[in-house]
Amino acid sequence: MENNIIKLTPREYEVLCYLVEGYSYKQIADQCMVSFSTTNTHLKHIYKKLNVRSATAAVSKALREQML
């Protein structure tokens, strides 16, 4: 089952945690001390790795897969 493990970078994991907590993209950028654009890039990578298209779907999958 190793192939089913979703590997996020430490920063992607941090961004996903903030997303699960209900932070806006701007708030996530502020918390991570990066630009809004950088946050969007992290989110795009997260969505691709989780095979989802939205923040809601990412949060749902992360919770369902017990990633956090």
PDB file of N, CA and C in Angstrom:
ATOM      1  N   MET A   1       0.811  -1.199   0.000  1.00  0.00           N
ATOM      2  CA  MET A   1       0.000   0.000   0.000  1.00  0.00           C
ATOM      3  C   MET A   1       0.853   1.261   0.000  1.00  0.00           C
ATOM      4  N   GLU A   2       2.148   1.131  -0.041  1.00  0.00           N
ATOM      5  CA  GLU A   2       3.015   2.300   0.004  1.00  0.00           C
ATOM      6  C   GLU A   2       2.703   3.293  -1.095  1.00  0.00           C
ATOM      7  N   ASN A   3       2.287   2.825  -2.241  1.00  0.00           N
ATOM      8  CA  ASN A   3       2.003   3.711  -3.358  1.00  0.00           C
ATOM      9  C   ASN A   3       0.828   4.641  -3.077  1.00  0.00           C
ATOM     10  N   ASN A   4      -0.016   4.302  -2.108  1.00  0.00           N
ATOM     11  CA  ASN A   4      -1.178   5.116  -1.778  1.00  0.00           C
ATOM     12  C   ASN A   4      -0.862   6.216  -0.775  1.00  0.00           C
ATOM     13  N   ILE A   5       0.352   6.236  -0.263  1.00  0.00           N
ATOM     14  CA  ILE A   5       0.727   7.254   0.709  1.00  0.00           C
ATOM     15  C   ILE A   5       0.915   8.578  -0.015  1.00  0.00           C
ATOM     16  N   ILE A   6       0.235   9.595   0.481  1.00  0.00           N
ATOM     17  CA  ILE A   6       0.338  10.926  -0.109  1.00  0.00           C
ATOM     18  C   ILE A   6       1.449  11.665   0.618  1.00  0.00           C
ATOM     19  N   LYS A   7       2.459  12.069  -0.130  1.00  0.00           N
ATOM     20  CA  LYS A   7       3.623  12.716   0.470  1.00  0.00           C
ATOM     21  C   LYS A   7       3.564  14.216   0.239  1.00  0.00           C
ATOM     22  N   LEU A   8       3.377  14.947   1.327  1.00  0.00           N
ATOM     23  CA  LEU A   8       3.386  16.403   1.287  1.00  0.00           C
ATOM     24  C   LEU A   8       4.694  16.900   1.872  1.00  0.00           C
ATOM     25  N   THR A   9       5.159  18.024   1.373  1.00  0.00           N
ATOM     26  CA  THR A   9       6.329  18.656   1.983  1.00  0.00           C
ATOM     27  C   THR A   9       5.908  19.198   3.345  1.00  0.00           C
ATOM     28  N   PRO A  10       6.865  19.478   4.223  1.00  0.00           N
ATOM     29  CA  PRO A  10       6.502  20.069   5.521  1.00  0.00           C
ATOM     30  C   PRO A  10       5.675  21.349   5.367  1.00  0.00           C
ATOM     31  N   ARG A  11       6.008  22.182   4.398  1.00  0.00           N
ATOM     32  CA  ARG A  11       5.257  23.431   4.198  1.00  0.00           C
ATOM     33  C   ARG A  11       3.846  23.146   3.684  1.00  0.00           C
ATOM     34  N   GLU A  12       3.719  22.192   2.772  1.00  0.00           N
ATOM     35  CA  GLU A  12       2.391  21.826   2.278  1.00  0.00           C
ATOM     36  C   GLU A  12       1.537  21.281   3.413  1.00  0.00           C
ATOM     37  N   TYR A  13       2.129  20.483   4.272  1.00  0.00           N
ATOM     38  CA  TYR A  13       1.411  19.945   5.428  1.00  0.00           C
ATOM     39  C   TYR A  13       0.946  21.087   6.331  1.00  0.00           C
ATOM     40  N   GLU A  14       1.828  22.054   6.571  1.00  0.00           N
ATOM     41  CA  GLU A  14       1.485  23.211   7.405  1.00  0.00           C
ATOM     42  C   GLU A  14       0.314  23.983   6.792  1.00  0.00           C
ATOM     43  N   VAL A  15       0.382  24.229   5.494  1.00  0.00           N
ATOM     44  CA  VAL A  15      -0.690  24.948   4.799  1.00  0.00           C
ATOM     45  C   VAL A  15      -1.997  24.166   4.900  1.00  0.00           C
ATOM     46  N   LEU A  16      -1.947  22.863   4.706  1.00  0.00           N
ATOM     47  CA  LEU A  16      -3.143  22.031   4.803  1.00  0.00           C
ATOM     48  C   LEU A  16      -3.733  22.088   6.208  1.00  0.00           C
ATOM     49  N   CYS A  17      -2.896  22.080   7.220  1.00  0.00           N
ATOM     50  CA  CYS A  17      -3.380  22.185   8.602  1.00  0.00           C
ATOM     51  C   CYS A  17      -4.127  23.493   8.823  1.00  0.00           C
ATOM     52  N   TYR A  18      -3.575  24.590   8.325  1.00  0.00           N
ATOM     53  CA  TYR A  18      -4.259  25.882   8.442  1.00  0.00           C
ATOM     54  C   TYR A  18      -5.583  25.857   7.683  1.00  0.00           C
ATOM     55  N   LEU A  19      -5.601  25.223   6.539  1.00  0.00           N
ATOM     56  CA  LEU A  19      -6.820  25.124   5.744  1.00  0.00           C
ATOM     57  C   LEU A  19      -7.895  24.366   6.522  1.00  0.00           C
ATOM     58  N   VAL A  20      -7.508  23.272   7.154  1.00  0.00           N
ATOM     59  CA  VAL A  20      -8.441  22.476   7.954  1.00  0.00           C
ATOM     60  C   VAL A  20      -8.988  23.295   9.119  1.00  0.00           C
ATOM     61  N   GLU A  21      -8.158  24.175   9.671  1.00  0.00           N
ATOM     62  CA  GLU A  21      -8.586  25.015  10.791  1.00  0.00           C
ATOM     63  C   GLU A  21      -9.488  26.162  10.352  1.00  0.00           C
ATOM     64  N   GLY A  22      -9.678  26.313   9.041  1.00  0.00           N
ATOM     65  CA  GLY A  22     -10.596  27.328   8.545  1.00  0.00           C
ATOM     66  C   GLY A  22      -9.973  28.662   8.188  1.00  0.00           C
ATOM     67  N   TYR A  23      -8.655  28.707   8.112  1.00  0.00           N
ATOM     68  CA  TYR A  23      -7.974  29.948   7.744  1.00  0.00           C
ATOM     69  C   TYR A  23      -8.249  30.280   6.280  1.00  0.00           C
ATOM     70  N   SER A  24      -8.346  31.571   5.971  1.00  0.00           N
ATOM     71  CA  SER A  24      -8.448  32.002   4.575  1.00  0.00           C
ATOM     72  C   SER A  24      -7.065  31.897   3.941  1.00  0.00           C
ATOM     73  N   TYR A  25      -7.015  31.973   2.624  1.00  0.00           N
ATOM     74  CA  TYR A  25      -5.722  31.917   1.935  1.00  0.00           C
ATOM     75  C   TYR A  25      -4.819  33.053   2.402  1.00  0.00           C
ATOM     76  N   LYS A  26      -5.389  34.232   2.583  1.00  0.00           N
ATOM     77  CA  LYS A  26      -4.613  35.393   3.046  1.00  0.00           C
ATOM     78  C   LYS A  26      -4.078  35.140   4.456  1.00  0.00           C
ATOM     79  N   GLN A  27      -4.904  34.595   5.331  1.00  0.00           N
ATOM     80  CA  GLN A  27      -4.467  34.292   6.697  1.00  0.00           C
ATOM     81  C   GLN A  27      -3.368  33.234   6.700  1.00  0.00           C
ATOM     82  N   ILE A  28      -3.480  32.252   5.828  1.00  0.00           N
ATOM     83  CA  ILE A  28      -2.438  31.226   5.723  1.00  0.00           C
ATOM     84  C   ILE A  28      -1.127  31.870   5.294  1.00  0.00           C
ATOM     85  N   ALA A  29      -1.195  32.740   4.298  1.00  0.00           N
ATOM     86  CA  ALA A  29       0.008  33.445   3.831  1.00  0.00           C
ATOM     87  C   ALA A  29       0.640  34.228   4.974  1.00  0.00           C
ATOM     88  N   ASP A  30      -0.182  34.923   5.739  1.00  0.00           N
ATOM     89  CA  ASP A  30       0.330  35.705   6.870  1.00  0.00           C
ATOM     90  C   ASP A  30       0.971  34.805   7.922  1.00  0.00           C
ATOM     91  N   GLN A  31       0.325  33.702   8.249  1.00  0.00           N
ATOM     92  CA  GLN A  31       0.852  32.779   9.260  1.00  0.00           C
ATOM     93  C   GLN A  31       2.176  32.157   8.819  1.00  0.00           C
ATOM     94  N   CYS A  32       2.278  31.840   7.539  1.00  0.00           N
ATOM     95  CA  CYS A  32       3.494  31.213   7.004  1.00  0.00           C
ATOM     96  C   CYS A  32       4.555  32.242   6.626  1.00  0.00           C
ATOM     97  N   MET A  33       4.182  33.515   6.700  1.00  0.00           N
ATOM     98  CA  MET A  33       5.077  34.620   6.348  1.00  0.00           C
ATOM     99  C   MET A  33       5.591  34.481   4.914  1.00  0.00           C
ATOM    100  N   VAL A  34       4.652  34.206   4.009  1.00  0.00           N
ATOM    101  CA  VAL A  34       4.952  34.139   2.582  1.00  0.00           C
ATOM    102  C   VAL A  34       3.899  34.956   1.843  1.00  0.00           C
ATOM    103  N   SER A  35       4.122  35.161   0.559  1.00  0.00           N
ATOM    104  CA  SER A  35       3.159  35.926  -0.235  1.00  0.00           C
ATOM    105  C   SER A  35       1.901  35.096  -0.499  1.00  0.00           C
ATOM    106  N   PHE A  36       0.852  35.815  -0.847  1.00  0.00           N
ATOM    107  CA  PHE A  36      -0.405  35.180  -1.226  1.00  0.00           C
ATOM    108  C   PHE A  36      -0.178  34.243  -2.415  1.00  0.00           C
ATOM    109  N   SER A  37       0.643  34.675  -3.361  1.00  0.00           N
ATOM    110  CA  SER A  37       0.956  33.881  -4.550  1.00  0.00           C
ATOM    111  C   SER A  37       1.651  32.572  -4.179  1.00  0.00           C
ATOM    112  N   THR A  38       2.581  32.644  -3.249  1.00  0.00           N
ATOM    113  CA  THR A  38       3.284  31.434  -2.791  1.00  0.00           C
ATOM    114  C   THR A  38       2.305  30.470  -2.135  1.00  0.00           C
ATOM    115  N   THR A  39       1.396  31.007  -1.348  1.00  0.00           N
ATOM    116  CA  THR A  39       0.373  30.173  -0.714  1.00  0.00           C
ATOM    117  C   THR A  39      -0.475  29.482  -1.774  1.00  0.00           C
ATOM    118  N   ASN A  40      -0.868  30.219  -2.804  1.00  0.00           N
ATOM    119  CA  ASN A  40      -1.647  29.615  -3.889  1.00  0.00           C
ATOM    120  C   ASN A  40      -0.878  28.493  -4.573  1.00  0.00           C
ATOM    121  N   THR A  41       0.420  28.674  -4.738  1.00  0.00           N
ATOM    122  CA  THR A  41       1.251  27.631  -5.342  1.00  0.00           C
ATOM    123  C   THR A  41       1.264  26.382  -4.464  1.00  0.00           C
ATOM    124  N   HIS A  42       1.433  26.569  -3.155  1.00  0.00           N
ATOM    125  CA  HIS A  42       1.399  25.421  -2.235  1.00  0.00           C
ATOM    126  C   HIS A  42       0.049  24.708  -2.336  1.00  0.00           C
ATOM    127  N   LEU A  43      -1.022  25.486  -2.379  1.00  0.00           N
ATOM    128  CA  LEU A  43      -2.355  24.892  -2.455  1.00  0.00           C
ATOM    129  C   LEU A  43      -2.550  24.121  -3.759  1.00  0.00           C
ATOM    130  N   LYS A  44      -2.059  24.648  -4.862  1.00  0.00           N
ATOM    131  CA  LYS A  44      -2.152  23.927  -6.138  1.00  0.00           C
ATOM    132  C   LYS A  44      -1.436  22.584  -6.057  1.00  0.00           C
ATOM    133  N   HIS A  45      -0.263  22.582  -5.427  1.00  0.00           N
ATOM    134  CA  HIS A  45       0.489  21.328  -5.268  1.00  0.00           C
ATOM    135  C   HIS A  45      -0.277  20.343  -4.381  1.00  0.00           C
ATOM    136  N   ILE A  46      -0.860  20.859  -3.304  1.00  0.00           N
ATOM    137  CA  ILE A  46      -1.646  20.013  -2.396  1.00  0.00           C
ATOM    138  C   ILE A  46      -2.825  19.404  -3.146  1.00  0.00           C
ATOM    139  N   TYR A  47      -3.560  20.237  -3.882  1.00  0.00           N
ATOM    140  CA  TYR A  47      -4.724  19.750  -4.628  1.00  0.00           C
ATOM    141  C   TYR A  47      -4.315  18.667  -5.620  1.00  0.00           C
ATOM    142  N   LYS A  48      -3.209  18.877  -6.300  1.00  0.00           N
ATOM    143  CA  LYS A  48      -2.742  17.890  -7.281  1.00  0.00           C
ATOM    144  C   LYS A  48      -2.383  16.574  -6.594  1.00  0.00           C
ATOM    145  N   LYS A  49      -1.654  16.663  -5.485  1.00  0.00           N
ATOM    146  CA  LYS A  49      -1.245  15.448  -4.773  1.00  0.00           C
ATOM    147  C   LYS A  49      -2.435  14.702  -4.186  1.00  0.00           C
ATOM    148  N   LEU A  50      -3.451  15.452  -3.748  1.00  0.00           N
ATOM    149  CA  LEU A  50      -4.643  14.824  -3.173  1.00  0.00           C
ATOM    150  C   LEU A  50      -5.669  14.449  -4.240  1.00  0.00           C
ATOM    151  N   ASN A  51      -5.403  14.882  -5.484  1.00  0.00           N
ATOM    152  CA  ASN A  51      -6.320  14.635  -6.597  1.00  0.00           C
ATOM    153  C   ASN A  51      -7.699  15.236  -6.323  1.00  0.00           C
ATOM    154  N   VAL A  52      -7.705  16.513  -5.924  1.00  0.00           N
ATOM    155  CA  VAL A  52      -8.938  17.251  -5.661  1.00  0.00           C
ATOM    156  C   VAL A  52      -8.887  18.584  -6.399  1.00  0.00           C
ATOM    157  N   ARG A  53     -10.024  19.290  -6.400  1.00  0.00           N
ATOM    158  CA  ARG A  53     -10.104  20.556  -7.129  1.00  0.00           C
ATOM    159  C   ARG A  53     -10.436  21.759  -6.258  1.00  0.00           C
ATOM    160  N   SER A  54     -10.652  21.548  -4.969  1.00  0.00           N
ATOM    161  CA  SER A  54     -11.050  22.669  -4.124  1.00  0.00           C
ATOM    162  C   SER A  54     -10.524  22.498  -2.706  1.00  0.00           C
ATOM    163  N   ALA A  55     -10.576  23.600  -1.971  1.00  0.00           N
ATOM    164  CA  ALA A  55     -10.154  23.573  -0.571  1.00  0.00           C
ATOM    165  C   ALA A  55     -11.057  22.647   0.234  1.00  0.00           C
ATOM    166  N   THR A  56     -12.348  22.711  -0.025  1.00  0.00           N
ATOM    167  CA  THR A  56     -13.301  21.859   0.691  1.00  0.00           C
ATOM    168  C   THR A  56     -12.995  20.385   0.459  1.00  0.00           C
ATOM    169  N   ALA A  57     -12.721  20.042  -0.776  1.00  0.00           N
ATOM    170  CA  ALA A  57     -12.394  18.648  -1.102  1.00  0.00           C
ATOM    171  C   ALA A  57     -11.072  18.231  -0.466  1.00  0.00           C
ATOM    172  N   ALA A  58     -10.107  19.140  -0.424  1.00  0.00           N
ATOM    173  CA  ALA A  58      -8.812  18.839   0.196  1.00  0.00           C
ATOM    174  C   ALA A  58      -8.978  18.575   1.686  1.00  0.00           C
ATOM    175  N   VAL A  59      -9.749  19.426   2.351  1.00  0.00           N
ATOM    176  CA  VAL A  59      -9.993  19.250   3.789  1.00  0.00           C
ATOM    177  C   VAL A  59     -10.715  17.932   4.029  1.00  0.00           C
ATOM    178  N   SER A  60     -11.739  17.671   3.242  1.00  0.00           N
ATOM    179  CA  SER A  60     -12.509  16.439   3.388  1.00  0.00           C
ATOM    180  C   SER A  60     -11.630  15.203   3.218  1.00  0.00           C
ATOM    181  N   LYS A  61     -10.807  15.205   2.188  1.00  0.00           N
ATOM    182  CA  LYS A  61      -9.938  14.050   1.934  1.00  0.00           C
ATOM    183  C   LYS A  61      -8.887  13.907   3.030  1.00  0.00           C
ATOM    184  N   ALA A  62      -8.308  15.011   3.474  1.00  0.00           N
ATOM    185  CA  ALA A  62      -7.295  14.961   4.534  1.00  0.00           C
ATOM    186  C   ALA A  62      -7.879  14.366   5.809  1.00  0.00           C
ATOM    187  N   LEU A  63      -9.100  14.747   6.137  1.00  0.00           N
ATOM    188  CA  LEU A  63      -9.742  14.214   7.337  1.00  0.00           C
ATOM    189  C   LEU A  63     -10.136  12.754   7.142  1.00  0.00           C
ATOM    190  N   ARG A  64     -10.675  12.435   5.984  1.00  0.00           N
ATOM    191  CA  ARG A  64     -11.100  11.062   5.689  1.00  0.00           C
ATOM    192  C   ARG A  64      -9.920  10.096   5.692  1.00  0.00           C
ATOM    193  N   GLU A  65      -8.790  10.549   5.147  1.00  0.00           N
ATOM    194  CA  GLU A  65      -7.586   9.715   5.067  1.00  0.00           C
ATOM    195  C   GLU A  65      -6.743   9.783   6.340  1.00  0.00           C
ATOM    196  N   GLN A  66      -7.218  10.536   7.322  1.00  0.00           N
ATOM    197  CA  GLN A  66      -6.523  10.715   8.606  1.00  0.00           C
ATOM    198  C   GLN A  66      -5.084  11.169   8.402  1.00  0.00           C
ATOM    199  N   MET A  67      -4.917  12.172   7.550  1.00  0.00           N
ATOM    200  CA  MET A  67      -3.588  12.695   7.243  1.00  0.00           C
ATOM    201  C   MET A  67      -3.071  13.633   8.324  1.00  0.00           C
ATOM    202  N   LEU A  68      -3.964  14.134   9.149  1.00  0.00           N
ATOM    203  CA  LEU A  68      -3.572  15.144  10.132  1.00  0.00           C
ATOM    204  C   LEU A  68      -3.601  14.588  11.532  1.00  0.00           C
TER     205      LEU A  68
END
